[in-house]
PDB file of all heavy atoms in Angstrom:
ATOM      1  N   ASP A   1      14.853  16.512  -9.592  1.00  0.00           N
ATOM      2  CA  ASP A   1      14.536  17.756 -10.279  1.00  0.00           C
ATOM      3  C   ASP A   1      14.244  18.761  -9.182  1.00  0.00           C
ATOM      4  O   ASP A   1      13.141  18.797  -8.628  1.00  0.00           O
ATOM      5  CB  ASP A   1      13.336  17.564 -11.205  1.00  0.00           C
ATOM      6  CG  ASP A   1      13.017  18.801 -12.020  1.00  0.00           C
ATOM      7  OD1 ASP A   1      13.317  19.929 -11.562  1.00  0.00           O
ATOM      8  OD2 ASP A   1      12.446  18.650 -13.101  1.00  0.00           O
ATOM      9  N   ASN A   2      15.251  19.552  -8.850  1.00  0.00           N
ATOM     10  CA  ASN A   2      15.097  20.478  -7.728  1.00  0.00           C
ATOM     11  C   ASN A   2      13.995  21.503  -7.962  1.00  0.00           C
ATOM     12  O   ASN A   2      13.274  21.873  -7.042  1.00  0.00           O
ATOM     13  CB  ASN A   2      16.417  21.205  -7.464  1.00  0.00           C
ATOM     14  CG  ASN A   2      17.487  20.278  -6.945  1.00  0.00           C
ATOM     15  OD1 ASN A   2      17.556  19.115  -7.338  1.00  0.00           O
ATOM     16  ND2 ASN A   2      18.326  20.770  -6.070  1.00  0.00           N
ATOM     17  N   ALA A   3      13.850  21.940  -9.195  1.00  0.00           N
ATOM     18  CA  ALA A   3      12.838  22.958  -9.495  1.00  0.00           C
ATOM     19  C   ALA A   3      11.430  22.437  -9.227  1.00  0.00           C
ATOM     20  O   ALA A   3      10.539  23.202  -8.839  1.00  0.00           O
ATOM     21  CB  ALA A   3      12.966  23.407 -10.937  1.00  0.00           C
ATOM     22  N   LYS A   4      11.236  21.138  -9.425  1.00  0.00           N
ATOM     23  CA  LYS A   4       9.919  20.534  -9.213  1.00  0.00           C
ATOM     24  C   LYS A   4       9.822  19.832  -7.865  1.00  0.00           C
ATOM     25  O   LYS A   4       8.768  19.275  -7.546  1.00  0.00           O
ATOM     26  CB  LYS A   4       9.617  19.543 -10.332  1.00  0.00           C
ATOM     27  CG  LYS A   4       9.504  20.175 -11.705  1.00  0.00           C
ATOM     28  CD  LYS A   4       9.170  19.124 -12.757  1.00  0.00           C
ATOM     29  CE  LYS A   4       9.036  19.749 -14.143  1.00  0.00           C
ATOM     30  NZ  LYS A   4       8.721  18.727 -15.180  1.00  0.00           N
ATOM     31  N   ASN A   5      10.912  19.806  -7.118  1.00  0.00           N
ATOM     32  CA  ASN A   5      10.949  19.086  -5.837  1.00  0.00           C
ATOM     33  C   ASN A   5      10.561  17.625  -6.019  1.00  0.00           C
ATOM     34  O   ASN A   5       9.734  17.091  -5.261  1.00  0.00           O
ATOM     35  CB  ASN A   5      10.054  19.757  -4.796  1.00  0.00           C
ATOM     36  CG  ASN A   5      10.591  21.104  -4.362  1.00  0.00           C
ATOM     37  OD1 ASN A   5      11.805  21.296  -4.260  1.00  0.00           O
ATOM     38  ND2 ASN A   5       9.699  22.056  -4.140  1.00  0.00           N
ATOM     39  N   MET A   6      11.162  17.013  -7.016  1.00  0.00           N
ATOM     40  CA  MET A   6      10.860  15.622  -7.350  1.00  0.00           C
ATOM     41  C   MET A   6      12.136  14.788  -7.306  1.00  0.00           C
ATOM     42  O   MET A   6      13.218  15.255  -7.659  1.00  0.00           O
ATOM     43  CB  MET A   6      10.262  15.516  -8.742  1.00  0.00           C
ATOM     44  CG  MET A   6       8.924  16.199  -8.915  1.00  0.00           C
ATOM     45  SD  MET A   6       7.581  15.342  -8.043  1.00  0.00           S
ATOM     46  CE  MET A   6       7.531  13.778  -8.921  1.00  0.00           C
ATOM     47  N   VAL A   7      11.982  13.536  -6.889  1.00  0.00           N
ATOM     48  CA  VAL A   7      13.036  12.540  -6.963  1.00  0.00           C
ATOM     49  C   VAL A   7      12.474  11.326  -7.690  1.00  0.00           C
ATOM     50  O   VAL A   7      11.307  10.973  -7.503  1.00  0.00           O
ATOM     51  CB  VAL A   7      13.534  12.138  -5.572  1.00  0.00           C
ATOM     52  CG1 VAL A   7      14.571  11.024  -5.667  1.00  0.00           C
ATOM     53  CG2 VAL A   7      14.142  13.328  -4.865  1.00  0.00           C
ATOM     54  N   TYR A   8      13.311  10.723  -8.521  1.00  0.00           N
ATOM     55  CA  TYR A   8      12.868   9.596  -9.332  1.00  0.00           C
ATOM     56  C   TYR A   8      13.765   8.394  -9.101  1.00  0.00           C
ATOM     57  O   TYR A   8      14.937   8.519  -8.751  1.00  0.00           O
ATOM     58  CB  TYR A   8      12.900   9.979 -10.812  1.00  0.00           C
ATOM     59  CG  TYR A   8      12.130  11.225 -11.141  1.00  0.00           C
ATOM     60  CD1 TYR A   8      12.776  12.459 -11.275  1.00  0.00           C
ATOM     61  CD2 TYR A   8      10.755  11.189 -11.304  1.00  0.00           C
ATOM     62  CE1 TYR A   8      12.082  13.612 -11.559  1.00  0.00           C
ATOM     63  CE2 TYR A   8      10.040  12.341 -11.595  1.00  0.00           C
ATOM     64  CZ  TYR A   8      10.710  13.546 -11.721  1.00  0.00           C
ATOM     65  OH  TYR A   8      10.006  14.687 -11.998  1.00  0.00           O
ATOM     66  N   LEU A   9      13.197   7.232  -9.338  1.00  0.00           N
ATOM     67  CA  LEU A   9      13.977   6.006  -9.332  1.00  0.00           C
ATOM     68  C   LEU A   9      13.600   5.234 -10.585  1.00  0.00           C
ATOM     69  O   LEU A   9      12.509   4.672 -10.671  1.00  0.00           O
ATOM     70  CB  LEU A   9      13.715   5.162  -8.087  1.00  0.00           C
ATOM     71  CG  LEU A   9      14.608   3.936  -7.938  1.00  0.00           C
ATOM     72  CD1 LEU A   9      16.053   4.353  -7.668  1.00  0.00           C
ATOM     73  CD2 LEU A   9      14.106   3.016  -6.820  1.00  0.00           C
ATOM     74  N   GLN A  10      14.484   5.273 -11.568  1.00  0.00           N
ATOM     75  CA  GLN A  10      14.271   4.513 -12.791  1.00  0.00           C
ATOM     76  C   GLN A  10      14.817   3.108 -12.577  1.00  0.00           C
ATOM     77  O   GLN A  10      15.985   2.941 -12.231  1.00  0.00           O
ATOM     78  CB  GLN A  10      14.988   5.179 -13.968  1.00  0.00           C
ATOM     79  CG  GLN A  10      14.862   4.432 -15.278  1.00  0.00           C
ATOM     80  CD  GLN A  10      13.443   4.438 -15.813  1.00  0.00           C
ATOM     81  OE1 GLN A  10      12.803   5.485 -15.904  1.00  0.00           O
ATOM     82  NE2 GLN A  10      12.925   3.263 -16.161  1.00  0.00           N
ATOM     83  N   MET A  11      13.962   2.122 -12.802  1.00  0.00           N
ATOM     84  CA  MET A  11      14.351   0.730 -12.564  1.00  0.00           C
ATOM     85  C   MET A  11      14.206  -0.055 -13.868  1.00  0.00           C
ATOM     86  O   MET A  11      13.133  -0.044 -14.470  1.00  0.00           O
ATOM     87  CB  MET A  11      13.458   0.118 -11.483  1.00  0.00           C
ATOM     88  CG  MET A  11      13.422   0.937 -10.190  1.00  0.00           C
ATOM     89  SD  MET A  11      12.457   0.161  -8.878  1.00  0.00           S
ATOM     90  CE  MET A  11      10.820   0.265  -9.572  1.00  0.00           C
ATOM     91  N   ILE A  12      15.276  -0.711 -14.274  1.00  0.00           N
ATOM     92  CA  ILE A  12      15.242  -1.548 -15.465  1.00  0.00           C
ATOM     93  C   ILE A  12      15.705  -2.947 -15.095  1.00  0.00           C
ATOM     94  O   ILE A  12      16.214  -3.173 -13.998  1.00  0.00           O
ATOM     95  CB  ILE A  12      16.113  -0.977 -16.600  1.00  0.00           C
ATOM     96  CG1 ILE A  12      17.596  -1.003 -16.201  1.00  0.00           C
ATOM     97  CG2 ILE A  12      15.676   0.432 -16.957  1.00  0.00           C
ATOM     98  CD1 ILE A  12      18.534  -0.659 -17.362  1.00  0.00           C
ATOM     99  N   SER A  13      15.500  -3.884 -16.019  1.00  0.00           N
ATOM    100  CA  SER A  13      15.915  -5.274 -15.787  1.00  0.00           C
ATOM    101  C   SER A  13      15.443  -5.781 -14.435  1.00  0.00           C
ATOM    102  O   SER A  13      16.205  -6.385 -13.668  1.00  0.00           O
ATOM    103  CB  SER A  13      17.445  -5.387 -15.894  1.00  0.00           C
ATOM    104  OG  SER A  13      17.903  -4.953 -17.152  1.00  0.00           O
ATOM    105  N   LEU A  14      14.189  -5.522 -14.143  1.00  0.00           N
ATOM    106  CA  LEU A  14      13.654  -5.882 -12.840  1.00  0.00           C
ATOM    107  C   LEU A  14      13.628  -7.384 -12.645  1.00  0.00           C
ATOM    108  O   LEU A  14      13.421  -8.158 -13.590  1.00  0.00           O
ATOM    109  CB  LEU A  14      12.260  -5.291 -12.666  1.00  0.00           C
ATOM    110  CG  LEU A  14      12.253  -3.790 -12.341  1.00  0.00           C
ATOM    111  CD1 LEU A  14      10.892  -3.185 -12.638  1.00  0.00           C
ATOM    112  CD2 LEU A  14      12.645  -3.566 -10.895  1.00  0.00           C
ATOM    113  N   LYS A  15      13.829  -7.785 -11.391  1.00  0.00           N
ATOM    114  CA  LYS A  15      13.861  -9.187 -11.004  1.00  0.00           C
ATOM    115  C   LYS A  15      12.785  -9.443  -9.956  1.00  0.00           C
ATOM    116  O   LYS A  15      12.391  -8.525  -9.234  1.00  0.00           O
ATOM    117  CB  LYS A  15      15.231  -9.531 -10.403  1.00  0.00           C
ATOM    118  CG  LYS A  15      16.418  -9.188 -11.291  1.00  0.00           C
ATOM    119  CD  LYS A  15      17.721  -9.435 -10.561  1.00  0.00           C
ATOM    120  CE  LYS A  15      18.921  -9.068 -11.412  1.00  0.00           C
ATOM    121  NZ  LYS A  15      20.207  -9.288 -10.690  1.00  0.00           N
ATOM    122  N   PRO A  16      12.336 -10.684  -9.835  1.00  0.00           N
ATOM    123  CA  PRO A  16      11.338 -10.985  -8.793  1.00  0.00           C
ATOM    124  C   PRO A  16      11.797 -10.564  -7.393  1.00  0.00           C
ATOM    125  O   PRO A  16      10.970 -10.142  -6.580  1.00  0.00           O
ATOM    126  CB  PRO A  16      11.171 -12.501  -8.908  1.00  0.00           C
ATOM    127  CG  PRO A  16      11.458 -12.782 -10.348  1.00  0.00           C
ATOM    128  CD  PRO A  16      12.557 -11.833 -10.722  1.00  0.00           C
ATOM    129  N   GLU A  17      13.087 -10.634  -7.138  1.00  0.00           N
ATOM    130  CA  GLU A  17      13.585 -10.245  -5.819  1.00  0.00           C
ATOM    131  C   GLU A  17      13.551  -8.736  -5.586  1.00  0.00           C
ATOM    132  O   GLU A  17      13.834  -8.276  -4.481  1.00  0.00           O
ATOM    133  CB  GLU A  17      15.006 -10.771  -5.590  1.00  0.00           C
ATOM    134  CG  GLU A  17      15.982 -10.454  -6.702  1.00  0.00           C
ATOM    135  CD  GLU A  17      16.122 -11.611  -7.696  1.00  0.00           C
ATOM    136  OE1 GLU A  17      15.083 -12.199  -8.074  1.00  0.00           O
ATOM    137  OE2 GLU A  17      17.277 -11.887  -8.108  1.00  0.00           O
ATOM    138  N   ASP A  18      13.200  -7.965  -6.601  1.00  0.00           N
ATOM    139  CA  ASP A  18      12.996  -6.534  -6.413  1.00  0.00           C
ATOM    140  C   ASP A  18      11.605  -6.222  -5.866  1.00  0.00           C
ATOM    141  O   ASP A  18      11.301  -5.068  -5.538  1.00  0.00           O
ATOM    142  CB  ASP A  18      13.184  -5.782  -7.733  1.00  0.00           C
ATOM    143  CG  ASP A  18      14.616  -5.841  -8.251  1.00  0.00           C
ATOM    144  OD1 ASP A  18      15.547  -5.712  -7.434  1.00  0.00           O
ATOM    145  OD2 ASP A  18      14.789  -6.018  -9.478  1.00  0.00           O
ATOM    146  N   THR A  19      10.765  -7.228  -5.768  1.00  0.00           N
ATOM    147  CA  THR A  19       9.413  -7.045  -5.255  1.00  0.00           C
ATOM    148  C   THR A  19       9.451  -6.550  -3.816  1.00  0.00           C
ATOM    149  O   THR A  19      10.086  -7.155  -2.954  1.00  0.00           O
ATOM    150  CB  THR A  19       8.621  -8.361  -5.334  1.00  0.00           C
ATOM    151  OG1 THR A  19       8.455  -8.718  -6.708  1.00  0.00           O
ATOM    152  CG2 THR A  19       7.261  -8.210  -4.673  1.00  0.00           C
ATOM    153  N   ALA A  20       8.786  -5.432  -3.566  1.00  0.00           N
ATOM    154  CA  ALA A  20       8.789  -4.821  -2.240  1.00  0.00           C
ATOM    155  C   ALA A  20       7.923  -3.569  -2.268  1.00  0.00           C
ATOM    156  O   ALA A  20       7.509  -3.108  -3.340  1.00  0.00           O
ATOM    157  CB  ALA A  20      10.209  -4.448  -1.816  1.00  0.00           C
ATOM    158  N   VAL A  21       7.692  -3.016  -1.096  1.00  0.00           N
ATOM    159  CA  VAL A  21       7.155  -1.664  -1.003  1.00  0.00           C
ATOM    160  C   VAL A  21       8.346  -0.713  -1.011  1.00  0.00           C
ATOM    161  O   VAL A  21       9.293  -0.889  -0.240  1.00  0.00           O
ATOM    162  CB  VAL A  21       6.321  -1.466   0.275  1.00  0.00           C
ATOM    163  CG1 VAL A  21       5.840  -0.020   0.370  1.00  0.00           C
ATOM    164  CG2 VAL A  21       5.143  -2.432   0.294  1.00  0.00           C
ATOM    165  N   TYR A  22       8.288   0.256  -1.898  1.00  0.00           N
ATOM    166  CA  TYR A  22       9.387   1.217  -2.042  1.00  0.00           C
ATOM    167  C   TYR A  22       9.001   2.543  -1.380  1.00  0.00           C
ATOM    168  O   TYR A  22       7.901   3.057  -1.613  1.00  0.00           O
ATOM    169  CB  TYR A  22       9.702   1.442  -3.514  1.00  0.00           C
ATOM    170  CG  TYR A  22      10.498   0.298  -4.113  1.00  0.00           C
ATOM    171  CD1 TYR A  22       9.911  -0.953  -4.318  1.00  0.00           C
ATOM    172  CD2 TYR A  22      11.835   0.450  -4.452  1.00  0.00           C
ATOM    173  CE1 TYR A  22      10.644  -2.006  -4.843  1.00  0.00           C
ATOM    174  CE2 TYR A  22      12.577  -0.597  -4.983  1.00  0.00           C
ATOM    175  CZ  TYR A  22      11.969  -1.818  -5.163  1.00  0.00           C
ATOM    176  OH  TYR A  22      12.694  -2.869  -5.690  1.00  0.00           O
ATOM    177  N   TYR A  23       9.925   3.054  -0.579  1.00  0.00           N
ATOM    178  CA  TYR A  23       9.704   4.288   0.156  1.00  0.00           C
ATOM    179  C   TYR A  23      10.746   5.323  -0.230  1.00  0.00           C
ATOM    180  O   TYR A  23      11.927   4.988  -0.380  1.00  0.00           O
ATOM    181  CB  TYR A  23       9.826   4.054   1.660  1.00  0.00           C
ATOM    182  CG  TYR A  23       8.855   3.067   2.238  1.00  0.00           C
ATOM    183  CD1 TYR A  23       9.158   1.707   2.301  1.00  0.00           C
ATOM    184  CD2 TYR A  23       7.627   3.490   2.745  1.00  0.00           C
ATOM    185  CE1 TYR A  23       8.272   0.803   2.851  1.00  0.00           C
ATOM    186  CE2 TYR A  23       6.728   2.584   3.299  1.00  0.00           C
ATOM    187  CZ  TYR A  23       7.060   1.252   3.338  1.00  0.00           C
ATOM    188  OH  TYR A  23       6.167   0.349   3.879  1.00  0.00           O
ATOM    189  N   CYS A  24      10.328   6.567  -0.346  1.00  0.00           N
ATOM    190  CA  CYS A  24      11.320   7.633  -0.438  1.00  0.00           C
ATOM    191  C   CYS A  24      11.429   8.305   0.927  1.00  0.00           C
ATOM    192  O   CYS A  24      10.481   8.261   1.728  1.00  0.00           O
ATOM    193  CB  CYS A  24      11.003   8.634  -1.539  1.00  0.00           C
ATOM    194  SG  CYS A  24       9.595   9.705  -1.241  1.00  0.00           S
ATOM    195  N   ALA A  25      12.575   8.887   1.165  1.00  0.00           N
ATOM    196  CA  ALA A  25      12.855   9.469   2.469  1.00  0.00           C
ATOM    197  C   ALA A  25      13.713  10.716   2.308  1.00  0.00           C
ATOM    198  O   ALA A  25      14.482  10.823   1.344  1.00  0.00           O
ATOM    199  CB  ALA A  25      13.573   8.453   3.352  1.00  0.00           C
ATOM    200  N   ALA A  26      13.580  11.623   3.256  1.00  0.00           N
ATOM    201  CA  ALA A  26      14.323  12.877   3.210  1.00  0.00           C
ATOM    202  C   ALA A  26      15.168  13.054   4.465  1.00  0.00           C
ATOM    203  O   ALA A  26      14.694  12.803   5.576  1.00  0.00           O
ATOM    204  CB  ALA A  26      13.367  14.058   3.067  1.00  0.00           C
ATOM    205  N   ASP A  27      16.402  13.476   4.246  1.00  0.00           N
ATOM    206  CA  ASP A  27      17.326  13.790   5.341  1.00  0.00           C
ATOM    207  C   ASP A  27      17.467  15.300   5.404  1.00  0.00           C
ATOM    208  O   ASP A  27      17.971  15.904   4.457  1.00  0.00           O
ATOM    209  CB  ASP A  27      18.679  13.124   5.082  1.00  0.00           C
ATOM    210  CG  ASP A  27      19.770  13.602   6.025  1.00  0.00           C
ATOM    211  OD1 ASP A  27      19.444  14.131   7.108  1.00  0.00           O
ATOM    212  OD2 ASP A  27      20.948  13.458   5.667  1.00  0.00           O
ATOM    213  N   THR A  28      17.032  15.887   6.490  1.00  0.00           N
ATOM    214  CA  THR A  28      17.156  17.331   6.666  1.00  0.00           C
ATOM    215  C   THR A  28      18.112  17.686   7.794  1.00  0.00           C
ATOM    216  O   THR A  28      18.244  18.857   8.154  1.00  0.00           O
ATOM    217  CB  THR A  28      15.785  17.975   6.956  1.00  0.00           C
ATOM    218  OG1 THR A  28      15.290  17.439   8.194  1.00  0.00           O
ATOM    219  CG2 THR A  28      14.790  17.703   5.861  1.00  0.00           C
ATOM    220  N   PHE A  29      18.765  16.661   8.348  1.00  0.00           N
ATOM    221  CA  PHE A  29      19.638  16.887   9.506  1.00  0.00           C
ATOM    222  C   PHE A  29      21.061  17.240   9.092  1.00  0.00           C
ATOM    223  O   PHE A  29      21.679  18.147   9.629  1.00  0.00           O
ATOM    224  CB  PHE A  29      19.645  15.636  10.381  1.00  0.00           C
ATOM    225  CG  PHE A  29      20.491  15.779  11.614  1.00  0.00           C
ATOM    226  CD1 PHE A  29      20.064  16.544  12.683  1.00  0.00           C
ATOM    227  CD2 PHE A  29      21.728  15.154  11.696  1.00  0.00           C
ATOM    228  CE1 PHE A  29      20.841  16.680  13.816  1.00  0.00           C
ATOM    229  CE2 PHE A  29      22.522  15.290  12.828  1.00  0.00           C
ATOM    230  CZ  PHE A  29      22.075  16.055  13.887  1.00  0.00           C
ATOM    231  N   ARG A  30      21.572  16.495   8.108  1.00  0.00           N
ATOM    232  CA  ARG A  30      22.960  16.708   7.696  1.00  0.00           C
ATOM    233  C   ARG A  30      23.103  17.955   6.840  1.00  0.00           C
ATOM    234  O   ARG A  30      22.149  18.428   6.225  1.00  0.00           O
ATOM    235  CB  ARG A  30      23.457  15.492   6.907  1.00  0.00           C
ATOM    236  CG  ARG A  30      23.713  14.292   7.782  1.00  0.00           C
ATOM    237  CD  ARG A  30      23.877  13.032   6.977  1.00  0.00           C
ATOM    238  NE  ARG A  30      24.119  11.893   7.835  1.00  0.00           N
ATOM    239  CZ  ARG A  30      23.179  11.310   8.562  1.00  0.00           C
ATOM    240  NH1 ARG A  30      21.954  11.747   8.531  1.00  0.00           N
ATOM    241  NH2 ARG A  30      23.484  10.284   9.326  1.00  0.00           N
ATOM    242  N   THR A  31      24.338  18.461   6.812  1.00  0.00           N
ATOM    243  CA  THR A  31      24.655  19.587   5.942  1.00  0.00           C
ATOM    244  C   THR A  31      25.782  19.255   4.980  1.00  0.00           C
ATOM    245  O   THR A  31      26.047  20.010   4.044  1.00  0.00           O
ATOM    246  CB  THR A  31      25.056  20.822   6.767  1.00  0.00           C
ATOM    247  OG1 THR A  31      26.181  20.485   7.594  1.00  0.00           O
ATOM    248  CG2 THR A  31      23.900  21.287   7.643  1.00  0.00           C
ATOM    249  N   ASP A  32      26.472  18.133   5.214  1.00  0.00           N
ATOM    250  CA  ASP A  32      27.508  17.710   4.273  1.00  0.00           C
ATOM    251  C   ASP A  32      27.785  16.224   4.482  1.00  0.00           C
ATOM    252  O   ASP A  32      27.217  15.593   5.360  1.00  0.00           O
ATOM    253  CB  ASP A  32      28.802  18.523   4.443  1.00  0.00           C
ATOM    254  CG  ASP A  32      29.385  18.408   5.839  1.00  0.00           C
ATOM    255  OD1 ASP A  32      28.924  17.549   6.618  1.00  0.00           O
ATOM    256  OD2 ASP A  32      30.288  19.177   6.178  1.00  0.00           O
ATOM    257  N   GLY A  33      28.645  15.677   3.635  1.00  0.00           N
ATOM    258  CA  GLY A  33      29.013  14.281   3.759  1.00  0.00           C
ATOM    259  C   GLY A  33      28.157  13.370   2.910  1.00  0.00           C
ATOM    260  O   GLY A  33      27.250  13.817   2.201  1.00  0.00           O
ATOM    261  N   THR A  34      28.458  12.106   2.963  1.00  0.00           N
ATOM    262  CA  THR A  34      27.736  11.105   2.183  1.00  0.00           C
ATOM    263  C   THR A  34      26.316  10.933   2.720  1.00  0.00           C
ATOM    264  O   THR A  34      26.134  10.824   3.931  1.00  0.00           O
ATOM    265  CB  THR A  34      28.475   9.762   2.262  1.00  0.00           C
ATOM    266  OG1 THR A  34      29.806   9.919   1.769  1.00  0.00           O
ATOM    267  CG2 THR A  34      27.757   8.707   1.432  1.00  0.00           C
ATOM    268  N   PRO A  35      25.321  10.903   1.850  1.00  0.00           N
ATOM    269  CA  PRO A  35      23.961  10.669   2.328  1.00  0.00           C
ATOM    270  C   PRO A  35      23.869   9.353   3.088  1.00  0.00           C
ATOM    271  O   PRO A  35      24.554   8.382   2.747  1.00  0.00           O
ATOM    272  CB  PRO A  35      23.144  10.607   1.038  1.00  0.00           C
ATOM    273  CG  PRO A  35      23.904  11.468   0.085  1.00  0.00           C
ATOM    274  CD  PRO A  35      25.342  11.213   0.421  1.00  0.00           C
ATOM    275  N   PRO A  36      23.046   9.307   4.096  1.00  0.00           N
ATOM    276  CA  PRO A  36      22.952   8.081   4.906  1.00  0.00           C
ATOM    277  C   PRO A  36      22.392   6.919   4.106  1.00  0.00           C
ATOM    278  O   PRO A  36      21.620   7.104   3.165  1.00  0.00           O
ATOM    279  CB  PRO A  36      22.018   8.477   6.050  1.00  0.00           C
ATOM    280  CG  PRO A  36      21.264   9.658   5.544  1.00  0.00           C
ATOM    281  CD  PRO A  36      22.184  10.362   4.605  1.00  0.00           C
ATOM    282  N   GLN A  37      22.807   5.723   4.491  1.00  0.00           N
ATOM    283  CA  GLN A  37      22.335   4.516   3.840  1.00  0.00           C
ATOM    284  C   GLN A  37      21.614   3.598   4.815  1.00  0.00           C
ATOM    285  O   GLN A  37      21.421   2.418   4.537  1.00  0.00           O
ATOM    286  CB  GLN A  37      23.504   3.792   3.167  1.00  0.00           C
ATOM    287  CG  GLN A  37      24.167   4.641   2.087  1.00  0.00           C
ATOM    288  CD  GLN A  37      25.239   3.900   1.304  1.00  0.00           C
ATOM    289  OE1 GLN A  37      25.319   2.687   1.322  1.00  0.00           O
ATOM    290  NE2 GLN A  37      26.080   4.650   0.607  1.00  0.00           N
ATOM    291  N   ARG A  38      21.193   4.169   5.920  1.00  0.00           N
ATOM    292  CA  ARG A  38      20.386   3.439   6.884  1.00  0.00           C
ATOM    293  C   ARG A  38      19.108   4.207   7.137  1.00  0.00           C
ATOM    294  O   ARG A  38      19.110   5.440   7.132  1.00  0.00           O
ATOM    295  CB  ARG A  38      21.156   3.246   8.194  1.00  0.00           C
ATOM    296  CG  ARG A  38      22.374   2.371   8.044  1.00  0.00           C
ATOM    297  CD  ARG A  38      23.060   2.149   9.367  1.00  0.00           C
ATOM    298  NE  ARG A  38      24.224   1.257   9.232  1.00  0.00           N
ATOM    299  CZ  ARG A  38      24.988   0.877  10.250  1.00  0.00           C
ATOM    300  NH1 ARG A  38      24.701   1.279  11.477  1.00  0.00           N
ATOM    301  NH2 ARG A  38      26.022   0.087  10.037  1.00  0.00           N
ATOM    302  N   PRO A  39      18.009   3.505   7.388  1.00  0.00           N
ATOM    303  CA  PRO A  39      16.731   4.181   7.580  1.00  0.00           C
ATOM    304  C   PRO A  39      16.771   5.254   8.671  1.00  0.00           C
ATOM    305  O   PRO A  39      16.148   6.304   8.524  1.00  0.00           O
ATOM    306  CB  PRO A  39      15.783   3.039   7.955  1.00  0.00           C
ATOM    307  CG  PRO A  39      16.365   1.840   7.284  1.00  0.00           C
ATOM    308  CD  PRO A  39      17.846   2.032   7.376  1.00  0.00           C
ATOM    309  N   ARG A  40      17.526   5.010   9.731  1.00  0.00           N
ATOM    310  CA  ARG A  40      17.516   5.971  10.835  1.00  0.00           C
ATOM    311  C   ARG A  40      18.182   7.282  10.467  1.00  0.00           C
ATOM    312  O   ARG A  40      18.085   8.248  11.220  1.00  0.00           O
ATOM    313  CB  ARG A  40      18.191   5.369  12.066  1.00  0.00           C
ATOM    314  CG  ARG A  40      19.670   5.074  11.916  1.00  0.00           C
ATOM    315  CD  ARG A  40      20.290   4.692  13.263  1.00  0.00           C
ATOM    316  NE  ARG A  40      21.718   4.438  13.191  1.00  0.00           N
ATOM    317  CZ  ARG A  40      22.234   3.220  13.147  1.00  0.00           C
ATOM    318  NH1 ARG A  40      21.442   2.172  13.185  1.00  0.00           N
ATOM    319  NH2 ARG A  40      23.533   3.059  13.095  1.00  0.00           N
ATOM    320  N   GLY A  41      18.810   7.328   9.323  1.00  0.00           N
ATOM    321  CA  GLY A  41      19.433   8.564   8.874  1.00  0.00           C
ATOM    322  C   GLY A  41      18.467   9.558   8.251  1.00  0.00           C
ATOM    323  O   GLY A  41      18.844  10.662   7.902  1.00  0.00           O
ATOM    324  N   TYR A  42      17.206   9.143   8.098  1.00  0.00           N
ATOM    325  CA  TYR A  42      16.204   9.976   7.436  1.00  0.00           C
ATOM    326  C   TYR A  42      15.075  10.307   8.387  1.00  0.00           C
ATOM    327  O   TYR A  42      14.587   9.458   9.122  1.00  0.00           O
ATOM    328  CB  TYR A  42      15.667   9.254   6.200  1.00  0.00           C
ATOM    329  CG  TYR A  42      16.725   9.080   5.141  1.00  0.00           C
ATOM    330  CD1 TYR A  42      17.629   8.023   5.206  1.00  0.00           C
ATOM    331  CD2 TYR A  42      16.854   9.987   4.097  1.00  0.00           C
ATOM    332  CE1 TYR A  42      18.633   7.881   4.250  1.00  0.00           C
ATOM    333  CE2 TYR A  42      17.841   9.844   3.134  1.00  0.00           C
ATOM    334  CZ  TYR A  42      18.728   8.793   3.219  1.00  0.00           C
ATOM    335  OH  TYR A  42      19.720   8.656   2.273  1.00  0.00           O
ATOM    336  N   GLU A  43      14.642  11.552   8.334  1.00  0.00           N
ATOM    337  CA  GLU A  43      13.613  12.008   9.269  1.00  0.00           C
ATOM    338  C   GLU A  43      12.203  11.903   8.702  1.00  0.00           C
ATOM    339  O   GLU A  43      11.244  11.778   9.458  1.00  0.00           O
ATOM    340  CB  GLU A  43      13.856  13.484   9.654  1.00  0.00           C
ATOM    341  CG  GLU A  43      15.174  13.754  10.364  1.00  0.00           C
ATOM    342  CD  GLU A  43      16.305  13.931   9.385  1.00  0.00           C
ATOM    343  OE1 GLU A  43      16.183  14.757   8.464  1.00  0.00           O
ATOM    344  OE2 GLU A  43      17.336  13.236   9.547  1.00  0.00           O
ATOM    345  N   TYR A  44      12.087  11.994   7.395  1.00  0.00           N
ATOM    346  CA  TYR A  44      10.755  12.032   6.786  1.00  0.00           C
ATOM    347  C   TYR A  44      10.611  10.904   5.772  1.00  0.00           C
ATOM    348  O   TYR A  44      11.552  10.607   5.020  1.00  0.00           O
ATOM    349  CB  TYR A  44      10.517  13.386   6.107  1.00  0.00           C
ATOM    350  CG  TYR A  44      10.590  14.541   7.078  1.00  0.00           C
ATOM    351  CD1 TYR A  44      11.722  15.328   7.164  1.00  0.00           C
ATOM    352  CD2 TYR A  44       9.510  14.814   7.916  1.00  0.00           C
ATOM    353  CE1 TYR A  44      11.799  16.365   8.065  1.00  0.00           C
ATOM    354  CE2 TYR A  44       9.578  15.863   8.820  1.00  0.00           C
ATOM    355  CZ  TYR A  44      10.721  16.635   8.889  1.00  0.00           C
ATOM    356  OH  TYR A  44      10.784  17.672   9.786  1.00  0.00           O
ATOM    357  N   TRP A  45       9.403  10.344   5.733  1.00  0.00           N
ATOM    358  CA  TRP A  45       9.129   9.190   4.882  1.00  0.00           C
ATOM    359  C   TRP A  45       7.804   9.347   4.162  1.00  0.00           C
ATOM    360  O   TRP A  45       6.862   9.934   4.705  1.00  0.00           O
ATOM    361  CB  TRP A  45       9.080   7.911   5.723  1.00  0.00           C
ATOM    362  CG  TRP A  45      10.411   7.557   6.298  1.00  0.00           C
ATOM    363  CD1 TRP A  45      10.990   8.057   7.432  1.00  0.00           C
ATOM    364  CD2 TRP A  45      11.350   6.626   5.748  1.00  0.00           C
ATOM    365  NE1 TRP A  45      12.223   7.494   7.618  1.00  0.00           N
ATOM    366  CE2 TRP A  45      12.479   6.612   6.609  1.00  0.00           C
ATOM    367  CE3 TRP A  45      11.354   5.814   4.626  1.00  0.00           C
ATOM    368  CZ2 TRP A  45      13.591   5.806   6.364  1.00  0.00           C
ATOM    369  CZ3 TRP A  45      12.458   5.020   4.381  1.00  0.00           C
ATOM    370  CH2 TRP A  45      13.561   5.018   5.242  1.00  0.00           C
TER     371      TRP A  45
END
């Protein structure tokens, strides 16, 4: 929700293997292309 500066992760059908600490992260370096899928691609956590 850009107006609220919010990001959500809706999770259903959860499994025990989903147990973890969940982090959100922001990439402010790129200007185009596919969002990174590795932690080092994000500057803020």
